[in-house]
């Protein structure tokens, strides 16, 4: 498998842009590609970037995506604005890294494609907010039970 094909598969699976070095590391660690270069991570990372810049060997197609973390590699279907720094008007943002089953991620991506909200991060926040509002009575009941057990000590 070429590094380009491996990168495309990795990006699809991860669902977010990554640096070329991160992609190369994952591809080599999973043995999707191999290399006899002195620094195989750097070699594959440079190949990915060269393929995108040159265009000729950029198949399947990958793109550069500007983000708050700098220039990353992404899939063409991803809007580069989607991964830019969060809107400064939004306060109290925190980052959360969560591993979800692939089928669930596919459903979240479908919700994002429906464009109910501005971008992927806001779509995930919207889904979590809706889910939490539905579950709030159960959450409250569970917390009250824990408080009651503390009071009985």
N, C-alpha and C. Protein backbone atom coordinates (compact mmCIF):
# COMPACT_ATOMS: atom_id res chain seq x y z
N UNK A 1 0.85 -1.18 0.00
CA UNK A 1 0.00 0.00 0.00
C UNK A 1 0.90 1.24 0.00
N UNK A 2 0.50 2.26 -0.74
CA UNK A 2 1.28 3.49 -0.75
C UNK A 2 0.99 4.31 0.50
N UNK A 3 1.90 5.21 0.82
CA UNK A 3 1.68 6.08 1.99
C UNK A 3 0.44 6.96 1.76
N UNK A 4 0.19 7.31 0.51
CA UNK A 4 -0.97 8.15 0.19
C UNK A 4 -2.28 7.41 0.53
N UNK A 5 -2.37 6.15 0.12
CA UNK A 5 -3.57 5.35 0.42
C UNK A 5 -3.69 5.12 1.93
N UNK A 6 -2.57 4.84 2.57
CA UNK A 6 -2.58 4.64 4.02
C UNK A 6 -3.03 5.91 4.74
N UNK A 7 -2.52 7.06 4.29
CA UNK A 7 -2.90 8.34 4.90
C UNK A 7 -4.39 8.59 4.76
N UNK A 8 -4.93 8.31 3.59
CA UNK A 8 -6.36 8.51 3.36
C UNK A 8 -7.18 7.65 4.32
N UNK A 9 -6.80 6.38 4.45
CA UNK A 9 -7.53 5.47 5.34
C UNK A 9 -7.43 5.92 6.80
N UNK A 10 -6.26 6.35 7.20
CA UNK A 10 -6.05 6.81 8.58
C UNK A 10 -6.90 8.04 8.86
N UNK A 11 -6.91 9.00 7.93
CA UNK A 11 -7.69 10.22 8.13
C UNK A 11 -9.19 9.92 8.18
N UNK A 12 -9.63 9.01 7.32
CA UNK A 12 -11.05 8.60 7.35
C UNK A 12 -11.40 8.02 8.72
N UNK A 13 -10.54 7.16 9.21
CA UNK A 13 -10.78 6.49 10.49
C UNK A 13 -10.75 7.48 11.66
N UNK A 14 -9.77 8.38 11.66
CA UNK A 14 -9.62 9.32 12.77
C UNK A 14 -10.69 10.42 12.74
N UNK A 15 -11.14 10.76 11.53
CA UNK A 15 -12.19 11.77 11.42
C UNK A 15 -11.74 13.18 11.67
N UNK A 16 -10.44 13.42 11.61
CA UNK A 16 -9.92 14.77 11.81
C UNK A 16 -8.56 14.89 11.13
N UNK A 17 -8.16 16.11 10.81
CA UNK A 17 -6.84 16.32 10.20
C UNK A 17 -5.72 15.95 11.17
N UNK A 18 -4.62 15.51 10.62
CA UNK A 18 -3.43 15.16 11.40
C UNK A 18 -2.20 15.73 10.71
N UNK A 19 -1.11 15.82 11.44
CA UNK A 19 0.14 16.25 10.81
C UNK A 19 0.66 15.09 9.96
N UNK A 20 1.48 15.42 8.98
CA UNK A 20 2.03 14.38 8.11
C UNK A 20 2.90 13.42 8.93
N UNK A 21 3.55 13.92 9.93
CA UNK A 21 4.39 13.07 10.79
C UNK A 21 3.52 12.09 11.60
N UNK A 22 2.38 12.58 12.13
CA UNK A 22 1.47 11.70 12.88
C UNK A 22 0.95 10.58 11.97
N UNK A 23 0.58 10.96 10.74
CA UNK A 23 0.08 9.98 9.78
C UNK A 23 1.15 8.93 9.48
N UNK A 24 2.37 9.40 9.24
CA UNK A 24 3.47 8.48 8.94
C UNK A 24 3.71 7.52 10.11
N UNK A 25 3.67 8.04 11.32
CA UNK A 25 3.90 7.20 12.50
C UNK A 25 2.83 6.12 12.61
N UNK A 26 1.57 6.50 12.45
CA UNK A 26 0.47 5.53 12.54
C UNK A 26 0.62 4.47 11.44
N UNK A 27 0.89 4.92 10.22
CA UNK A 27 1.00 4.00 9.09
C UNK A 27 2.15 3.00 9.29
N UNK A 28 3.27 3.49 9.78
CA UNK A 28 4.42 2.60 10.02
C UNK A 28 4.15 1.68 11.21
N UNK A 29 3.58 2.23 12.28
CA UNK A 29 3.30 1.41 13.47
C UNK A 29 2.31 0.29 13.16
N UNK A 30 1.35 0.58 12.28
CA UNK A 30 0.35 -0.44 11.91
C UNK A 30 0.85 -1.33 10.77
N UNK A 31 2.03 -1.06 10.30
CA UNK A 31 2.63 -1.82 9.19
C UNK A 31 1.81 -1.73 7.91
N UNK A 32 1.19 -0.57 7.71
CA UNK A 32 0.45 -0.32 6.47
C UNK A 32 1.45 -0.01 5.35
N UNK A 33 2.60 0.53 5.74
CA UNK A 33 3.68 0.86 4.80
C UNK A 33 5.00 0.43 5.44
N UNK A 34 6.03 0.43 4.64
CA UNK A 34 7.37 0.14 5.16
C UNK A 34 8.35 1.11 4.53
N UNK A 35 9.57 1.11 5.06
CA UNK A 35 10.58 2.02 4.54
C UNK A 35 11.96 1.53 4.94
N UNK A 36 12.92 1.76 4.06
CA UNK A 36 14.30 1.46 4.39
C UNK A 36 15.09 2.75 4.63
N UNK A 37 14.39 3.88 4.67
CA UNK A 37 15.03 5.17 4.89
C UNK A 37 15.63 5.23 6.29
N UNK A 38 16.62 6.09 6.46
CA UNK A 38 17.26 6.25 7.77
C UNK A 38 16.24 6.76 8.79
N UNK A 39 15.37 7.69 8.38
CA UNK A 39 14.29 8.18 9.24
C UNK A 39 12.98 7.94 8.49
N UNK A 40 12.39 6.75 8.64
CA UNK A 40 11.20 6.42 7.86
C UNK A 40 10.00 7.34 8.14
N UNK A 41 9.87 7.83 9.37
CA UNK A 41 8.76 8.73 9.70
C UNK A 41 8.88 10.02 8.89
N UNK A 42 10.08 10.60 8.90
CA UNK A 42 10.30 11.84 8.16
C UNK A 42 10.16 11.61 6.65
N UNK A 43 10.66 10.50 6.17
CA UNK A 43 10.59 10.18 4.75
C UNK A 43 9.14 10.10 4.26
N UNK A 44 8.32 9.37 4.99
CA UNK A 44 6.91 9.24 4.60
C UNK A 44 6.16 10.57 4.77
N UNK A 45 6.47 11.31 5.84
CA UNK A 45 5.83 12.61 6.05
C UNK A 45 6.13 13.55 4.89
N UNK A 46 7.38 13.58 4.46
CA UNK A 46 7.77 14.44 3.34
C UNK A 46 7.09 14.00 2.05
N UNK A 47 6.95 12.69 1.86
CA UNK A 47 6.30 12.18 0.65
C UNK A 47 4.84 12.63 0.60
N UNK A 48 4.14 12.55 1.72
CA UNK A 48 2.75 12.99 1.76
C UNK A 48 2.65 14.46 1.37
N UNK A 49 3.48 15.29 1.99
CA UNK A 49 3.43 16.73 1.71
C UNK A 49 3.81 17.03 0.26
N UNK A 50 4.83 16.35 -0.25
CA UNK A 50 5.26 16.55 -1.64
C UNK A 50 4.15 16.15 -2.62
N UNK A 51 3.47 15.05 -2.32
CA UNK A 51 2.38 14.60 -3.18
C UNK A 51 1.25 15.63 -3.23
N UNK A 52 0.93 16.23 -2.09
CA UNK A 52 -0.15 17.24 -2.06
C UNK A 52 0.28 18.47 -2.84
N UNK A 53 1.52 18.94 -2.60
CA UNK A 53 2.00 20.13 -3.31
C UNK A 53 2.09 19.90 -4.82
N UNK A 54 2.62 18.74 -5.20
CA UNK A 54 2.84 18.46 -6.62
C UNK A 54 1.56 18.10 -7.36
N UNK A 55 0.66 17.43 -6.70
CA UNK A 55 -0.62 17.08 -7.30
C UNK A 55 -0.62 15.83 -8.15
N UNK A 56 0.50 15.48 -8.76
CA UNK A 56 0.54 14.35 -9.69
C UNK A 56 0.26 13.03 -8.98
N UNK A 57 0.93 12.81 -7.86
CA UNK A 57 0.77 11.54 -7.13
C UNK A 57 -0.20 11.65 -5.96
N UNK A 58 -0.98 12.70 -5.95
CA UNK A 58 -1.91 12.94 -4.86
C UNK A 58 -3.22 12.16 -5.07
N UNK A 59 -3.10 10.83 -5.08
CA UNK A 59 -4.26 9.96 -5.28
C UNK A 59 -4.18 8.82 -4.28
N UNK A 60 -5.18 8.60 -3.46
CA UNK A 60 -6.37 9.42 -3.31
C UNK A 60 -6.00 10.81 -2.81
N UNK A 61 -6.81 11.76 -3.20
CA UNK A 61 -6.49 13.17 -2.96
C UNK A 61 -6.55 13.53 -1.48
N UNK A 62 -5.51 14.23 -1.03
CA UNK A 62 -5.45 14.81 0.31
C UNK A 62 -5.23 16.31 0.16
N UNK A 63 -5.55 17.07 1.19
CA UNK A 63 -5.39 18.52 1.13
C UNK A 63 -4.72 19.03 2.40
N UNK A 64 -4.16 20.24 2.29
CA UNK A 64 -3.65 20.91 3.48
C UNK A 64 -4.83 21.61 4.15
N UNK A 65 -4.88 21.52 5.46
CA UNK A 65 -5.95 22.14 6.25
C UNK A 65 -5.29 23.04 7.29
N UNK A 66 -5.66 24.31 7.31
CA UNK A 66 -5.14 25.21 8.32
C UNK A 66 -5.96 25.06 9.59
N UNK A 67 -5.28 24.93 10.71
CA UNK A 67 -5.97 24.78 11.99
C UNK A 67 -5.25 25.59 13.04
N UNK A 68 -5.81 25.60 14.23
CA UNK A 68 -5.17 26.31 15.34
C UNK A 68 -3.84 25.65 15.70
N UNK A 69 -3.63 24.41 15.26
CA UNK A 69 -2.39 23.69 15.52
C UNK A 69 -1.40 23.83 14.37
N UNK A 70 -1.73 24.64 13.38
CA UNK A 70 -0.87 24.80 12.22
C UNK A 70 -1.44 24.07 11.02
N UNK A 71 -0.60 23.88 10.01
CA UNK A 71 -1.05 23.21 8.80
C UNK A 71 -1.06 21.70 9.00
N UNK A 72 -2.21 21.11 8.73
CA UNK A 72 -2.38 19.67 8.88
C UNK A 72 -2.78 19.07 7.55
N UNK A 73 -2.89 17.76 7.51
CA UNK A 73 -3.32 17.04 6.31
C UNK A 73 -4.76 16.59 6.55
N UNK A 74 -5.61 16.77 5.54
CA UNK A 74 -7.00 16.38 5.68
C UNK A 74 -7.57 15.81 4.39
N UNK A 75 -8.83 15.42 4.47
CA UNK A 75 -9.55 14.92 3.31
C UNK A 75 -10.20 16.10 2.59
N UNK A 76 -10.35 16.01 1.27
CA UNK A 76 -10.91 17.13 0.51
C UNK A 76 -12.34 17.50 0.92
N UNK A 77 -13.10 16.55 1.47
CA UNK A 77 -14.48 16.84 1.84
C UNK A 77 -14.56 17.70 3.10
N UNK A 78 -13.44 17.84 3.80
CA UNK A 78 -13.43 18.65 5.01
C UNK A 78 -13.19 20.10 4.65
N UNK A 79 -14.03 20.95 5.15
CA UNK A 79 -13.88 22.39 4.96
C UNK A 79 -12.75 22.87 5.86
N UNK A 80 -11.77 23.58 5.32
CA UNK A 80 -10.64 24.01 6.13
C UNK A 80 -11.08 24.94 7.25
N UNK A 81 -12.19 25.67 7.06
CA UNK A 81 -12.67 26.55 8.14
C UNK A 81 -13.17 25.74 9.32
N UNK A 82 -13.57 24.53 9.08
CA UNK A 82 -14.12 23.68 10.13
C UNK A 82 -13.11 23.40 11.23
N UNK A 83 -11.84 23.41 10.88
CA UNK A 83 -10.81 23.07 11.85
C UNK A 83 -9.99 24.28 12.28
N UNK A 84 -10.50 25.47 12.02
CA UNK A 84 -9.78 26.66 12.44
C UNK A 84 -9.99 26.88 13.93
N UNK A 85 -9.30 27.85 14.47
CA UNK A 85 -9.42 28.13 15.90
C UNK A 85 -10.87 28.45 16.25
N UNK A 86 -11.30 28.07 17.45
CA UNK A 86 -12.68 28.34 17.84
C UNK A 86 -12.99 29.83 17.83
N UNK A 87 -14.25 30.13 17.61
CA UNK A 87 -14.72 31.51 17.60
C UNK A 87 -14.43 32.14 18.96
N UNK A 88 -13.80 33.32 18.94
CA UNK A 88 -13.42 33.96 20.19
C UNK A 88 -14.64 34.42 21.01
N UNK A 89 -15.81 34.49 20.38
CA UNK A 89 -17.02 34.88 21.10
C UNK A 89 -17.47 33.78 22.05
N UNK A 90 -17.15 32.54 21.72
CA UNK A 90 -17.55 31.41 22.56
C UNK A 90 -16.58 31.34 23.73
N UNK A 91 -17.11 31.34 24.94
CA UNK A 91 -16.29 31.34 26.14
C UNK A 91 -16.24 29.95 26.76
N UNK A 92 -15.26 29.75 27.63
CA UNK A 92 -15.14 28.53 28.44
C UNK A 92 -15.09 27.25 27.61
N UNK A 93 -14.27 27.25 26.58
CA UNK A 93 -14.11 26.04 25.78
C UNK A 93 -13.04 25.15 26.39
N UNK A 94 -13.27 23.86 26.37
CA UNK A 94 -12.28 22.88 26.79
C UNK A 94 -12.19 21.83 25.70
N UNK A 95 -11.06 21.17 25.65
CA UNK A 95 -10.89 20.11 24.66
C UNK A 95 -11.17 18.77 25.33
N UNK A 96 -11.84 17.91 24.60
CA UNK A 96 -12.18 16.58 25.08
C UNK A 96 -11.81 15.59 24.00
N UNK A 97 -11.02 14.59 24.35
CA UNK A 97 -10.66 13.55 23.40
C UNK A 97 -11.44 12.32 23.78
N UNK A 98 -12.21 11.81 22.85
CA UNK A 98 -13.08 10.67 23.11
C UNK A 98 -12.93 9.66 21.99
N UNK A 99 -12.85 8.40 22.35
CA UNK A 99 -12.84 7.33 21.37
C UNK A 99 -14.26 6.79 21.26
N UNK A 100 -14.81 6.80 20.06
CA UNK A 100 -16.16 6.31 19.85
C UNK A 100 -16.13 5.19 18.80
N UNK A 101 -17.10 4.30 18.88
CA UNK A 101 -17.16 3.25 17.86
C UNK A 101 -17.31 3.86 16.46
N UNK A 102 -16.74 3.22 15.47
CA UNK A 102 -16.77 3.72 14.10
C UNK A 102 -18.19 3.99 13.62
N UNK A 103 -19.12 3.11 13.92
CA UNK A 103 -20.50 3.30 13.47
C UNK A 103 -21.12 4.55 14.09
N UNK A 104 -20.80 4.84 15.35
CA UNK A 104 -21.30 6.05 15.98
C UNK A 104 -20.68 7.29 15.34
N UNK A 105 -19.39 7.23 15.06
CA UNK A 105 -18.72 8.35 14.40
C UNK A 105 -19.33 8.61 13.03
N UNK A 106 -19.68 7.57 12.31
CA UNK A 106 -20.32 7.74 11.00
C UNK A 106 -21.65 8.49 11.15
N UNK A 107 -22.40 8.17 12.20
CA UNK A 107 -23.68 8.86 12.44
C UNK A 107 -23.45 10.33 12.79
N UNK A 108 -22.41 10.60 13.59
CA UNK A 108 -22.10 11.98 13.93
C UNK A 108 -21.69 12.76 12.68
N UNK A 109 -20.91 12.12 11.81
CA UNK A 109 -20.51 12.76 10.56
C UNK A 109 -21.73 13.06 9.68
N UNK A 110 -22.69 12.14 9.66
CA UNK A 110 -23.93 12.39 8.90
C UNK A 110 -24.68 13.59 9.47
N UNK A 111 -24.73 13.69 10.80
CA UNK A 111 -25.37 14.85 11.42
C UNK A 111 -24.65 16.12 11.03
N UNK A 112 -23.32 16.07 10.98
CA UNK A 112 -22.54 17.24 10.58
C UNK A 112 -22.82 17.61 9.12
N UNK A 113 -22.95 16.60 8.25
CA UNK A 113 -23.21 16.85 6.84
C UNK A 113 -24.58 17.50 6.63
N UNK A 114 -25.50 17.27 7.56
CA UNK A 114 -26.83 17.88 7.46
C UNK A 114 -26.75 19.39 7.70
N UNK A 115 -25.62 19.86 8.22
CA UNK A 115 -25.36 21.28 8.45
C UNK A 115 -26.42 21.94 9.34
N UNK A 116 -26.84 21.23 10.39
CA UNK A 116 -27.76 21.81 11.36
C UNK A 116 -27.04 22.89 12.18
N UNK A 117 -25.74 22.70 12.34
CA UNK A 117 -24.89 23.60 13.11
C UNK A 117 -23.72 23.98 12.20
N UNK A 118 -22.95 25.01 12.60
CA UNK A 118 -21.89 25.57 11.75
C UNK A 118 -20.74 24.64 11.42
N UNK A 119 -20.28 23.83 12.37
CA UNK A 119 -19.10 23.01 12.13
C UNK A 119 -19.16 21.73 12.94
N UNK A 120 -18.16 20.87 12.75
CA UNK A 120 -18.16 19.55 13.38
C UNK A 120 -18.16 19.65 14.91
N UNK A 121 -17.30 20.50 15.46
CA UNK A 121 -17.23 20.63 16.92
C UNK A 121 -18.57 21.07 17.51
N UNK A 122 -19.20 22.03 16.87
CA UNK A 122 -20.50 22.50 17.35
C UNK A 122 -21.58 21.43 17.19
N UNK A 123 -21.47 20.61 16.14
CA UNK A 123 -22.42 19.51 15.95
C UNK A 123 -22.31 18.52 17.10
N UNK A 124 -21.08 18.16 17.48
CA UNK A 124 -20.88 17.23 18.59
C UNK A 124 -21.42 17.85 19.89
N UNK A 125 -21.14 19.13 20.12
CA UNK A 125 -21.65 19.81 21.32
C UNK A 125 -23.17 19.81 21.33
N UNK A 126 -23.78 20.07 20.18
CA UNK A 126 -25.24 20.08 20.06
C UNK A 126 -25.82 18.71 20.41
N UNK A 127 -25.23 17.65 19.86
CA UNK A 127 -25.71 16.30 20.13
C UNK A 127 -25.57 15.97 21.62
N UNK A 128 -24.44 16.33 22.21
CA UNK A 128 -24.24 16.07 23.64
C UNK A 128 -25.25 16.85 24.48
N UNK A 129 -25.48 18.10 24.13
CA UNK A 129 -26.43 18.93 24.89
C UNK A 129 -27.83 18.33 24.81
N UNK A 130 -28.24 17.95 23.61
CA UNK A 130 -29.58 17.35 23.44
C UNK A 130 -29.68 16.05 24.24
N UNK A 131 -28.65 15.22 24.16
CA UNK A 131 -28.66 13.96 24.90
C UNK A 131 -28.69 14.17 26.40
N UNK A 132 -27.89 15.14 26.87
CA UNK A 132 -27.87 15.41 28.31
C UNK A 132 -29.20 15.98 28.80
N UNK A 133 -29.85 16.80 27.96
CA UNK A 133 -31.14 17.35 28.39
C UNK A 133 -32.19 16.26 28.52
N UNK A 134 -32.11 15.26 27.67
CA UNK A 134 -33.04 14.12 27.75
C UNK A 134 -32.75 13.29 28.99
N UNK A 135 -31.47 13.13 29.31
CA UNK A 135 -31.07 12.29 30.44
C UNK A 135 -31.03 13.03 31.78
N UNK A 136 -31.26 14.35 31.77
CA UNK A 136 -31.08 15.11 33.01
C UNK A 136 -31.90 14.58 34.19
N UNK A 137 -33.15 14.12 34.03
CA UNK A 137 -33.86 13.58 35.19
C UNK A 137 -33.14 12.36 35.80
N UNK A 138 -32.61 11.47 34.95
CA UNK A 138 -31.90 10.30 35.45
C UNK A 138 -30.59 10.71 36.12
N UNK A 139 -29.90 11.69 35.53
CA UNK A 139 -28.65 12.17 36.11
C UNK A 139 -28.91 12.77 37.49
N UNK A 140 -29.97 13.59 37.58
CA UNK A 140 -30.32 14.22 38.85
C UNK A 140 -30.66 13.15 39.89
N UNK A 141 -31.43 12.16 39.50
CA UNK A 141 -31.81 11.08 40.41
C UNK A 141 -30.57 10.34 40.93
N UNK A 142 -29.63 10.04 40.03
CA UNK A 142 -28.40 9.35 40.42
C UNK A 142 -27.56 10.19 41.38
N UNK A 143 -27.45 11.49 41.10
CA UNK A 143 -26.67 12.37 41.98
C UNK A 143 -27.34 12.50 43.35
N UNK A 144 -28.66 12.62 43.36
CA UNK A 144 -29.39 12.73 44.63
C UNK A 144 -29.20 11.46 45.45
N UNK A 145 -29.20 10.32 44.80
CA UNK A 145 -28.96 9.05 45.50
C UNK A 145 -27.58 9.03 46.14
N UNK A 146 -26.57 9.55 45.42
CA UNK A 146 -25.22 9.60 45.97
C UNK A 146 -25.16 10.56 47.16
N UNK A 147 -25.85 11.71 47.06
CA UNK A 147 -25.88 12.67 48.17
C UNK A 147 -26.58 12.06 49.39
N UNK A 148 -27.67 11.36 49.16
CA UNK A 148 -28.38 10.71 50.25
C UNK A 148 -27.50 9.69 50.96
N UNK A 149 -26.71 8.94 50.17
CA UNK A 149 -25.83 7.95 50.80
C UNK A 149 -24.73 8.63 51.61
N UNK A 150 -24.28 9.82 51.19
CA UNK A 150 -23.29 10.57 51.96
C UNK A 150 -23.89 11.07 53.27
N UNK A 151 -25.16 11.52 53.21
CA UNK A 151 -25.82 12.05 54.40
C UNK A 151 -26.04 10.96 55.44
N UNK A 152 -26.14 9.71 55.03
CA UNK A 152 -26.40 8.63 55.97
C UNK A 152 -25.12 8.15 56.68
N UNK A 153 -23.97 8.73 56.35
CA UNK A 153 -22.71 8.32 57.01
C UNK A 153 -22.62 8.81 58.42
